[in-house]
């Protein structure tokens, strides 16, 4: 089940450092070149690790290339915990 504020969870299978894209819900978008762009949180497998990755950005909400949409519950526990903390903070 997706927590409040989460629209989509995308996974690129580990092809890049920011494996997971947590796209946030309506009201958090900007228009860019006629496309609706959404704020998202890009995350590595372990964003809490000193070499981990956790950064806000803006992107299209649709999966890109190798990305697939997954359930929030399919995320590793450390990633789910980190997302919930970041959503509370921001």
PDB file of N, CA and C in Angstrom:
ATOM      1  N   UNK A   1       0.844  -1.186   0.000  1.00  0.00           N
ATOM      2  CA  UNK A   1       0.000   0.000   0.000  1.00  0.00           C
ATOM      3  C   UNK A   1       0.888   1.248   0.000  1.00  0.00           C
ATOM      4  N   UNK A   2       0.561   2.194  -0.861  1.00  0.00           N
ATOM      5  CA  UNK A   2       1.334   3.430  -0.942  1.00  0.00           C
ATOM      6  C   UNK A   2       0.979   4.353   0.220  1.00  0.00           C
ATOM      7  N   UNK A   3       2.004   4.968   0.818  1.00  0.00           N
ATOM      8  CA  UNK A   3       1.720   5.939   1.869  1.00  0.00           C
ATOM      9  C   UNK A   3       1.165   7.226   1.265  1.00  0.00           C
ATOM     10  N   UNK A   4       0.493   8.053   2.062  1.00  0.00           N
ATOM     11  CA  UNK A   4       0.004   9.332   1.555  1.00  0.00           C
ATOM     12  C   UNK A   4       1.162  10.138   0.967  1.00  0.00           C
ATOM     13  N   UNK A   5       0.908  10.744  -0.170  1.00  0.00           N
ATOM     14  CA  UNK A   5       1.922  11.562  -0.821  1.00  0.00           C
ATOM     15  C   UNK A   5       2.678  10.861  -1.929  1.00  0.00           C
ATOM     16  N   UNK A   6       2.588   9.531  -1.995  1.00  0.00           N
ATOM     17  CA  UNK A   6       3.316   8.785  -3.030  1.00  0.00           C
ATOM     18  C   UNK A   6       2.369   8.436  -4.172  1.00  0.00           C
ATOM     19  N   UNK A   7       2.745   8.839  -5.387  1.00  0.00           N
ATOM     20  CA  UNK A   7       1.947   8.546  -6.572  1.00  0.00           C
ATOM     21  C   UNK A   7       2.412   7.258  -7.250  1.00  0.00           C
ATOM     22  N   UNK A   8       3.725   7.121  -7.459  1.00  0.00           N
ATOM     23  CA  UNK A   8       4.281   5.955  -8.134  1.00  0.00           C
ATOM     24  C   UNK A   8       5.641   5.615  -7.553  1.00  0.00           C
ATOM     25  N   UNK A   9       5.971   4.331  -7.629  1.00  0.00           N
ATOM     26  CA  UNK A   9       7.303   3.862  -7.277  1.00  0.00           C
ATOM     27  C   UNK A   9       7.854   3.168  -8.517  1.00  0.00           C
ATOM     28  N   UNK A  10       8.981   3.676  -9.012  1.00  0.00           N
ATOM     29  CA  UNK A  10       9.602   3.125 -10.208  1.00  0.00           C
ATOM     30  C   UNK A  10      10.945   2.506  -9.850  1.00  0.00           C
ATOM     31  N   UNK A  11      11.290   1.397 -10.506  1.00  0.00           N
ATOM     32  CA  UNK A  11      12.531   0.667 -10.226  1.00  0.00           C
ATOM     33  C   UNK A  11      13.219   0.379 -11.556  1.00  0.00           C
ATOM     34  N   UNK A  12      14.497   0.731 -11.657  1.00  0.00           N
ATOM     35  CA  UNK A  12      15.239   0.437 -12.886  1.00  0.00           C
ATOM     36  C   UNK A  12      16.092  -0.813 -12.751  1.00  0.00           C
ATOM     37  N   UNK A  13      15.865  -1.587 -11.685  1.00  0.00           N
ATOM     38  CA  UNK A  13      16.563  -2.850 -11.510  1.00  0.00           C
ATOM     39  C   UNK A  13      18.026  -2.717 -11.112  1.00  0.00           C
ATOM     40  N   UNK A  14      18.441  -1.533 -10.722  1.00  0.00           N
ATOM     41  CA  UNK A  14      19.818  -1.331 -10.293  1.00  0.00           C
ATOM     42  C   UNK A  14      20.760  -0.898 -11.396  1.00  0.00           C
ATOM     43  N   UNK A  15      20.208  -0.448 -12.510  1.00  0.00           N
ATOM     44  CA  UNK A  15      21.043  -0.003 -13.640  1.00  0.00           C
ATOM     45  C   UNK A  15      21.831   1.263 -13.318  1.00  0.00           C
ATOM     46  N   UNK A  16      21.316   2.085 -12.379  1.00  0.00           N
ATOM     47  CA  UNK A  16      21.994   3.320 -11.989  1.00  0.00           C
ATOM     48  C   UNK A  16      21.970   3.444 -10.471  1.00  0.00           C
ATOM     49  N   UNK A  17      22.768   4.381  -9.964  1.00  0.00           N
ATOM     50  CA  UNK A  17      22.832   4.622  -8.515  1.00  0.00           C
ATOM     51  C   UNK A  17      21.459   4.982  -7.952  1.00  0.00           C
ATOM     52  N   UNK A  18      20.690   5.783  -8.702  1.00  0.00           N
ATOM     53  CA  UNK A  18      19.343   6.154  -8.246  1.00  0.00           C
ATOM     54  C   UNK A  18      18.333   5.137  -8.767  1.00  0.00           C
ATOM     55  N   UNK A  19      18.443   3.929  -8.254  1.00  0.00           N
ATOM     56  CA  UNK A  19      17.623   2.800  -8.706  1.00  0.00           C
ATOM     57  C   UNK A  19      16.133   3.068  -8.591  1.00  0.00           C
ATOM     58  N   UNK A  20      15.712   3.630  -7.473  1.00  0.00           N
ATOM     59  CA  UNK A  20      14.295   3.852  -7.215  1.00  0.00           C
ATOM     60  C   UNK A  20      13.922   5.316  -7.410  1.00  0.00           C
ATOM     61  N   UNK A  21      12.770   5.541  -8.037  1.00  0.00           N
ATOM     62  CA  UNK A  21      12.206   6.887  -8.165  1.00  0.00           C
ATOM     63  C   UNK A  21      10.849   6.870  -7.478  1.00  0.00           C
ATOM     64  N   UNK A  22      10.717   7.673  -6.432  1.00  0.00           N
ATOM     65  CA  UNK A  22       9.466   7.778  -5.694  1.00  0.00           C
ATOM     66  C   UNK A  22       8.797   9.071  -6.154  1.00  0.00           C
ATOM     67  N   UNK A  23       7.812   8.948  -7.037  1.00  0.00           N
ATOM     68  CA  UNK A  23       7.132  10.110  -7.614  1.00  0.00           C
ATOM     69  C   UNK A  23       6.024  10.521  -6.658  1.00  0.00           C
ATOM     70  N   UNK A  24       6.016  11.810  -6.279  1.00  0.00           N
ATOM     71  CA  UNK A  24       5.022  12.273  -5.310  1.00  0.00           C
ATOM     72  C   UNK A  24       3.756  12.768  -6.010  1.00  0.00           C
ATOM     73  N   UNK A  25       2.684  12.846  -5.234  1.00  0.00           N
ATOM     74  CA  UNK A  25       1.325  13.086  -5.739  1.00  0.00           C
ATOM     75  C   UNK A  25       1.070  14.462  -6.338  1.00  0.00           C
ATOM     76  N   UNK A  26      -0.168  14.572  -6.842  1.00  0.00           N
ATOM     77  CA  UNK A  26      -0.650  15.822  -7.439  1.00  0.00           C
ATOM     78  C   UNK A  26      -0.353  17.017  -6.547  1.00  0.00           C
ATOM     79  N   UNK A  27      -0.263  18.163  -7.187  1.00  0.00           N
ATOM     80  CA  UNK A  27       0.007  19.374  -6.452  1.00  0.00           C
ATOM     81  C   UNK A  27       1.492  19.632  -6.304  1.00  0.00           C
ATOM     82  N   UNK A  28       2.301  18.654  -6.709  1.00  0.00           N
ATOM     83  CA  UNK A  28       3.750  18.786  -6.621  1.00  0.00           C
ATOM     84  C   UNK A  28       4.354  18.725  -8.021  1.00  0.00           C
ATOM     85  N   UNK A  29       3.803  19.460  -8.956  1.00  0.00           N
ATOM     86  CA  UNK A  29       4.325  19.398 -10.313  1.00  0.00           C
ATOM     87  C   UNK A  29       4.597  20.786 -10.862  1.00  0.00           C
ATOM     88  N   UNK A  30       5.438  20.808 -11.856  1.00  0.00           N
ATOM     89  CA  UNK A  30       5.714  22.036 -12.596  1.00  0.00           C
ATOM     90  C   UNK A  30       5.550  21.698 -14.067  1.00  0.00           C
ATOM     91  N   UNK A  31       5.220  22.687 -14.869  1.00  0.00           N
ATOM     92  CA  UNK A  31       5.094  22.449 -16.300  1.00  0.00           C
ATOM     93  C   UNK A  31       6.410  22.778 -16.971  1.00  0.00           C
ATOM     94  N   UNK A  32       6.839  21.898 -17.839  1.00  0.00           N
ATOM     95  CA  UNK A  32       8.096  22.098 -18.549  1.00  0.00           C
ATOM     96  C   UNK A  32       7.894  21.666 -19.991  1.00  0.00           C
ATOM     97  N   UNK A  33       8.028  22.571 -20.896  1.00  0.00           N
ATOM     98  CA  UNK A  33       7.900  22.298 -22.328  1.00  0.00           C
ATOM     99  C   UNK A  33       6.599  21.543 -22.618  1.00  0.00           C
ATOM    100  N   UNK A  34       5.516  21.990 -22.002  1.00  0.00           N
ATOM    101  CA  UNK A  34       4.213  21.399 -22.262  1.00  0.00           C
ATOM    102  C   UNK A  34       3.980  20.048 -21.610  1.00  0.00           C
ATOM    103  N   UNK A  35       4.921  19.554 -20.811  1.00  0.00           N
ATOM    104  CA  UNK A  35       4.768  18.261 -20.139  1.00  0.00           C
ATOM    105  C   UNK A  35       4.586  18.481 -18.643  1.00  0.00           C
ATOM    106  N   UNK A  36       3.833  17.624 -18.035  1.00  0.00           N
ATOM    107  CA  UNK A  36       3.647  17.686 -16.585  1.00  0.00           C
ATOM    108  C   UNK A  36       4.816  16.957 -15.932  1.00  0.00           C
ATOM    109  N   UNK A  37       5.525  17.678 -15.120  1.00  0.00           N
ATOM    110  CA  UNK A  37       6.678  17.124 -14.421  1.00  0.00           C
ATOM    111  C   UNK A  37       6.349  17.038 -12.937  1.00  0.00           C
ATOM    112  N   UNK A  38       6.818  16.004 -12.300  1.00  0.00           N
ATOM    113  CA  UNK A  38       6.525  15.765 -10.889  1.00  0.00           C
ATOM    114  C   UNK A  38       7.811  15.756 -10.075  1.00  0.00           C
ATOM    115  N   UNK A  39       7.687  16.183  -8.841  1.00  0.00           N
ATOM    116  CA  UNK A  39       8.801  16.050  -7.922  1.00  0.00           C
ATOM    117  C   UNK A  39       8.934  14.568  -7.583  1.00  0.00           C
ATOM    118  N   UNK A  40      10.174  14.127  -7.424  1.00  0.00           N
ATOM    119  CA  UNK A  40      10.411  12.736  -7.061  1.00  0.00           C
ATOM    120  C   UNK A  40      11.645  12.643  -6.180  1.00  0.00           C
ATOM    121  N   UNK A  41      11.753  11.529  -5.500  1.00  0.00           N
ATOM    122  CA  UNK A  41      12.907  11.240  -4.672  1.00  0.00           C
ATOM    123  C   UNK A  41      13.643  10.082  -5.314  1.00  0.00           C
ATOM    124  N   UNK A  42      14.881  10.322  -5.739  1.00  0.00           N
ATOM    125  CA  UNK A  42      15.711   9.273  -6.320  1.00  0.00           C
ATOM    126  C   UNK A  42      16.521   8.618  -5.217  1.00  0.00           C
ATOM    127  N   UNK A  43      16.519   7.287  -5.188  1.00  0.00           N
ATOM    128  CA  UNK A  43      17.159   6.554  -4.095  1.00  0.00           C
ATOM    129  C   UNK A  43      17.961   5.358  -4.583  1.00  0.00           C
ATOM    130  N   UNK A  44      19.051   5.082  -3.873  1.00  0.00           N
ATOM    131  CA  UNK A  44      19.799   3.853  -4.102  1.00  0.00           C
ATOM    132  C   UNK A  44      19.188   2.733  -3.254  1.00  0.00           C
ATOM    133  N   UNK A  45      19.779   1.534  -3.350  1.00  0.00           N
ATOM    134  CA  UNK A  45      19.303   0.388  -2.569  1.00  0.00           C
ATOM    135  C   UNK A  45      19.379   0.624  -1.066  1.00  0.00           C
ATOM    136  N   UNK A  46      20.355   1.430  -0.646  1.00  0.00           N
ATOM    137  CA  UNK A  46      20.517   1.726   0.776  1.00  0.00           C
ATOM    138  C   UNK A  46      20.858   3.204   0.935  1.00  0.00           C
ATOM    139  N   UNK A  47      19.850   4.062   0.908  1.00  0.00           N
ATOM    140  CA  UNK A  47      20.102   5.502   0.968  1.00  0.00           C
ATOM    141  C   UNK A  47      20.696   5.975   2.295  1.00  0.00           C
ATOM    142  N   UNK A  48      20.660   5.153   3.328  1.00  0.00           N
ATOM    143  CA  UNK A  48      21.210   5.515   4.634  1.00  0.00           C
ATOM    144  C   UNK A  48      22.722   5.297   4.700  1.00  0.00           C
ATOM    145  N   UNK A  49      23.272   4.514   3.795  1.00  0.00           N
ATOM    146  CA  UNK A  49      24.701   4.212   3.773  1.00  0.00           C
ATOM    147  C   UNK A  49      25.482   5.462   3.371  1.00  0.00           C
ATOM    148  N   UNK A  50      26.707   5.652   3.901  1.00  0.00           N
ATOM    149  CA  UNK A  50      27.495   6.833   3.525  1.00  0.00           C
ATOM    150  C   UNK A  50      27.720   6.976   2.009  1.00  0.00           C
ATOM    151  N   UNK A  51      27.698   5.870   1.286  1.00  0.00           N
ATOM    152  CA  UNK A  51      27.840   5.932  -0.176  1.00  0.00           C
ATOM    153  C   UNK A  51      26.493   5.797  -0.879  1.00  0.00           C
ATOM    154  N   UNK A  52      25.412   5.881  -0.117  1.00  0.00           N
ATOM    155  CA  UNK A  52      24.067   5.777  -0.685  1.00  0.00           C
ATOM    156  C   UNK A  52      23.653   7.071  -1.370  1.00  0.00           C
ATOM    157  N   UNK A  53      22.484   7.038  -1.970  1.00  0.00           N
ATOM    158  CA  UNK A  53      21.976   8.175  -2.741  1.00  0.00           C
ATOM    159  C   UNK A  53      20.545   8.456  -2.335  1.00  0.00           C
ATOM    160  N   UNK A  54      20.223   9.731  -2.096  1.00  0.00           N
ATOM    161  CA  UNK A  54      18.869  10.177  -1.777  1.00  0.00           C
ATOM    162  C   UNK A  54      18.779  11.647  -2.148  1.00  0.00           C
ATOM    163  N   UNK A  55      18.086  11.930  -3.243  1.00  0.00           N
ATOM    164  CA  UNK A  55      18.032  13.314  -3.721  1.00  0.00           C
ATOM    165  C   UNK A  55      16.697  13.595  -4.399  1.00  0.00           C
ATOM    166  N   UNK A  56      16.148  14.805  -4.112  1.00  0.00           N
ATOM    167  CA  UNK A  56      14.926  15.255  -4.769  1.00  0.00           C
ATOM    168  C   UNK A  56      15.254  15.759  -6.167  1.00  0.00           C
ATOM    169  N   UNK A  57      14.309  15.586  -7.081  1.00  0.00           N
ATOM    170  CA  UNK A  57      14.456  16.083  -8.439  1.00  0.00           C
ATOM    171  C   UNK A  57      13.085  16.274  -9.065  1.00  0.00           C
ATOM    172  N   UNK A  58      13.079  16.527 -10.364  1.00  0.00           N
ATOM    173  CA  UNK A  58      11.845  16.695 -11.128  1.00  0.00           C
ATOM    174  C   UNK A  58      11.934  15.806 -12.354  1.00  0.00           C
ATOM    175  N   UNK A  59      10.850  15.106 -12.638  1.00  0.00           N
ATOM    176  CA  UNK A  59      10.832  14.184 -13.775  1.00  0.00           C
ATOM    177  C   UNK A  59       9.406  13.934 -14.244  1.00  0.00           C
ATOM    178  N   UNK A  60       9.296  13.316 -15.411  1.00  0.00           N
ATOM    179  CA  UNK A  60       8.031  12.817 -15.922  1.00  0.00           C
ATOM    180  C   UNK A  60       7.629  11.636 -15.029  1.00  0.00           C
ATOM    181  N   UNK A  61       6.356  11.435 -14.818  1.00  0.00           N
ATOM    182  CA  UNK A  61       5.896  10.370 -13.925  1.00  0.00           C
ATOM    183  C   UNK A  61       5.884   8.995 -14.592  1.00  0.00           C
ATOM    184  N   UNK A  62       6.037   8.947 -15.899  1.00  0.00           N
ATOM    185  CA  UNK A  62       5.977   7.665 -16.602  1.00  0.00           C
ATOM    186  C   UNK A  62       7.323   6.949 -16.537  1.00  0.00           C
ATOM    187  N   UNK A  63       7.297   5.603 -16.517  1.00  0.00           N
ATOM    188  CA  UNK A  63       8.550   4.850 -16.506  1.00  0.00           C
ATOM    189  C   UNK A  63       9.409   5.189 -17.728  1.00  0.00           C
ATOM    190  N   UNK A  64      10.699   5.227 -17.496  1.00  0.00           N
ATOM    191  CA  UNK A  64      11.687   5.556 -18.519  1.00  0.00           C
ATOM    192  C   UNK A  64      12.527   4.327 -18.842  1.00  0.00           C
ATOM    193  N   UNK A  65      12.709   3.986 -20.091  1.00  0.00           N
ATOM    194  CA  UNK A  65      13.619   2.905 -20.484  1.00  0.00           C
ATOM    195  C   UNK A  65      13.385   1.601 -19.754  1.00  0.00           C
ATOM    196  N   UNK A  66      14.322   1.262 -18.856  1.00  0.00           N
ATOM    197  CA  UNK A  66      14.282  -0.012 -18.138  1.00  0.00           C
ATOM    198  C   UNK A  66      13.445   0.025 -16.862  1.00  0.00           C
ATOM    199  N   UNK A  67      12.827   1.147 -16.558  1.00  0.00           N
ATOM    200  CA  UNK A  67      12.051   1.252 -15.324  1.00  0.00           C
ATOM    201  C   UNK A  67      10.720   0.509 -15.417  1.00  0.00           C
ATOM    202  N   UNK A  68      10.311  -0.018 -14.281  1.00  0.00           N
ATOM    203  CA  UNK A  68       8.982  -0.619 -14.151  1.00  0.00           C
ATOM    204  C   UNK A  68       8.346  -0.066 -12.879  1.00  0.00           C
ATOM    205  N   UNK A  69       7.033   0.019 -12.875  1.00  0.00           N
ATOM    206  CA  UNK A  69       6.330   0.450 -11.674  1.00  0.00           C
ATOM    207  C   UNK A  69       6.202  -0.741 -10.736  1.00  0.00           C
ATOM    208  N   UNK A  70       6.512  -0.515  -9.460  1.00  0.00           N
ATOM    209  CA  UNK A  70       6.408  -1.570  -8.450  1.00  0.00           C
ATOM    210  C   UNK A  70       5.557  -1.062  -7.289  1.00  0.00           C
ATOM    211  N   UNK A  71       5.131  -1.981  -6.433  1.00  0.00           N
ATOM    212  CA  UNK A  71       4.395  -1.612  -5.227  1.00  0.00           C
ATOM    213  C   UNK A  71       5.364  -1.053  -4.194  1.00  0.00           C
ATOM    214  N   UNK A  72       4.897  -0.101  -3.412  1.00  0.00           N
ATOM    215  CA  UNK A  72       5.706   0.459  -2.331  1.00  0.00           C
ATOM    216  C   UNK A  72       6.194  -0.651  -1.406  1.00  0.00           C
ATOM    217  N   UNK A  73       5.335  -1.629  -1.141  1.00  0.00           N
ATOM    218  CA  UNK A  73       5.680  -2.733  -0.240  1.00  0.00           C
ATOM    219  C   UNK A  73       6.808  -3.608  -0.773  1.00  0.00           C
ATOM    220  N   UNK A  74       7.103  -3.525  -2.076  1.00  0.00           N
ATOM    221  CA  UNK A  74       8.187  -4.320  -2.667  1.00  0.00           C
ATOM    222  C   UNK A  74       9.560  -3.699  -2.416  1.00  0.00           C
ATOM    223  N   UNK A  75       9.608  -2.466  -1.922  1.00  0.00           N
ATOM    224  CA  UNK A  75      10.876  -1.805  -1.631  1.00  0.00           C
ATOM    225  C   UNK A  75      11.558  -2.466  -0.438  1.00  0.00           C
ATOM    226  N   UNK A  76      12.899  -2.436  -0.397  1.00  0.00           N
ATOM    227  CA  UNK A  76      13.598  -2.912   0.799  1.00  0.00           C
ATOM    228  C   UNK A  76      13.164  -2.086   2.017  1.00  0.00           C
ATOM    229  N   UNK A  77      13.164  -2.686   3.188  1.00  0.00           N
ATOM    230  CA  UNK A  77      12.710  -2.013   4.410  1.00  0.00           C
ATOM    231  C   UNK A  77      13.448  -0.701   4.651  1.00  0.00           C
ATOM    232  N   UNK A  78      14.773  -0.684   4.429  1.00  0.00           N
ATOM    233  CA  UNK A  78      15.548   0.537   4.669  1.00  0.00           C
ATOM    234  C   UNK A  78      15.099   1.659   3.737  1.00  0.00           C
ATOM    235  N   UNK A  79      14.692   1.312   2.519  1.00  0.00           N
ATOM    236  CA  UNK A  79      14.228   2.320   1.556  1.00  0.00           C
ATOM    237  C   UNK A  79      12.853   2.836   1.962  1.00  0.00           C
ATOM    238  N   UNK A  80      11.946   1.945   2.350  1.00  0.00           N
ATOM    239  CA  UNK A  80      10.613   2.376   2.793  1.00  0.00           C
ATOM    240  C   UNK A  80      10.722   3.324   3.984  1.00  0.00           C
ATOM    241  N   UNK A  81      11.531   2.960   4.965  1.00  0.00           N
ATOM    242  CA  UNK A  81      11.719   3.798   6.149  1.00  0.00           C
ATOM    243  C   UNK A  81      12.276   5.164   5.755  1.00  0.00           C
ATOM    244  N   UNK A  82      13.246   5.178   4.874  1.00  0.00           N
ATOM    245  CA  UNK A  82      13.865   6.428   4.436  1.00  0.00           C
ATOM    246  C   UNK A  82      12.849   7.323   3.705  1.00  0.00           C
ATOM    247  N   UNK A  83      12.042   6.730   2.838  1.00  0.00           N
ATOM    248  CA  UNK A  83      11.023   7.499   2.108  1.00  0.00           C
ATOM    249  C   UNK A  83      10.062   8.156   3.085  1.00  0.00           C
ATOM    250  N   UNK A  84       9.566   7.394   4.048  1.00  0.00           N
ATOM    251  CA  UNK A  84       8.615   7.946   5.017  1.00  0.00           C
ATOM    252  C   UNK A  84       9.236   9.079   5.813  1.00  0.00           C
ATOM    253  N   UNK A  85      10.500   8.949   6.191  1.00  0.00           N
ATOM    254  CA  UNK A  85      11.181  10.021   6.925  1.00  0.00           C
ATOM    255  C   UNK A  85      11.351  11.260   6.051  1.00  0.00           C
ATOM    256  N   UNK A  86      11.737  11.078   4.785  1.00  0.00           N
ATOM    257  CA  UNK A  86      11.939  12.210   3.898  1.00  0.00           C
ATOM    258  C   UNK A  86      10.616  12.920   3.600  1.00  0.00           C
ATOM    259  N   UNK A  87       9.535  12.167   3.461  1.00  0.00           N
ATOM    260  CA  UNK A  87       8.234  12.791   3.215  1.00  0.00           C
ATOM    261  C   UNK A  87       7.789  13.611   4.412  1.00  0.00           C
ATOM    262  N   UNK A  88       8.098  13.167   5.603  1.00  0.00           N
ATOM    263  CA  UNK A  88       7.761  13.930   6.820  1.00  0.00           C
ATOM    264  C   UNK A  88       8.588  15.203   6.907  1.00  0.00           C
ATOM    265  N   UNK A  89       9.858  15.109   6.545  1.00  0.00           N
ATOM    266  CA  UNK A  89      10.785  16.254   6.660  1.00  0.00           C
ATOM    267  C   UNK A  89      10.516  17.332   5.614  1.00  0.00           C
ATOM    268  N   UNK A  90      10.139  16.919   4.417  1.00  0.00           N
ATOM    269  CA  UNK A  90       9.997  17.870   3.306  1.00  0.00           C
ATOM    270  C   UNK A  90       8.573  18.228   3.168  1.00  0.00           C
TER     271      UNK A  90
END
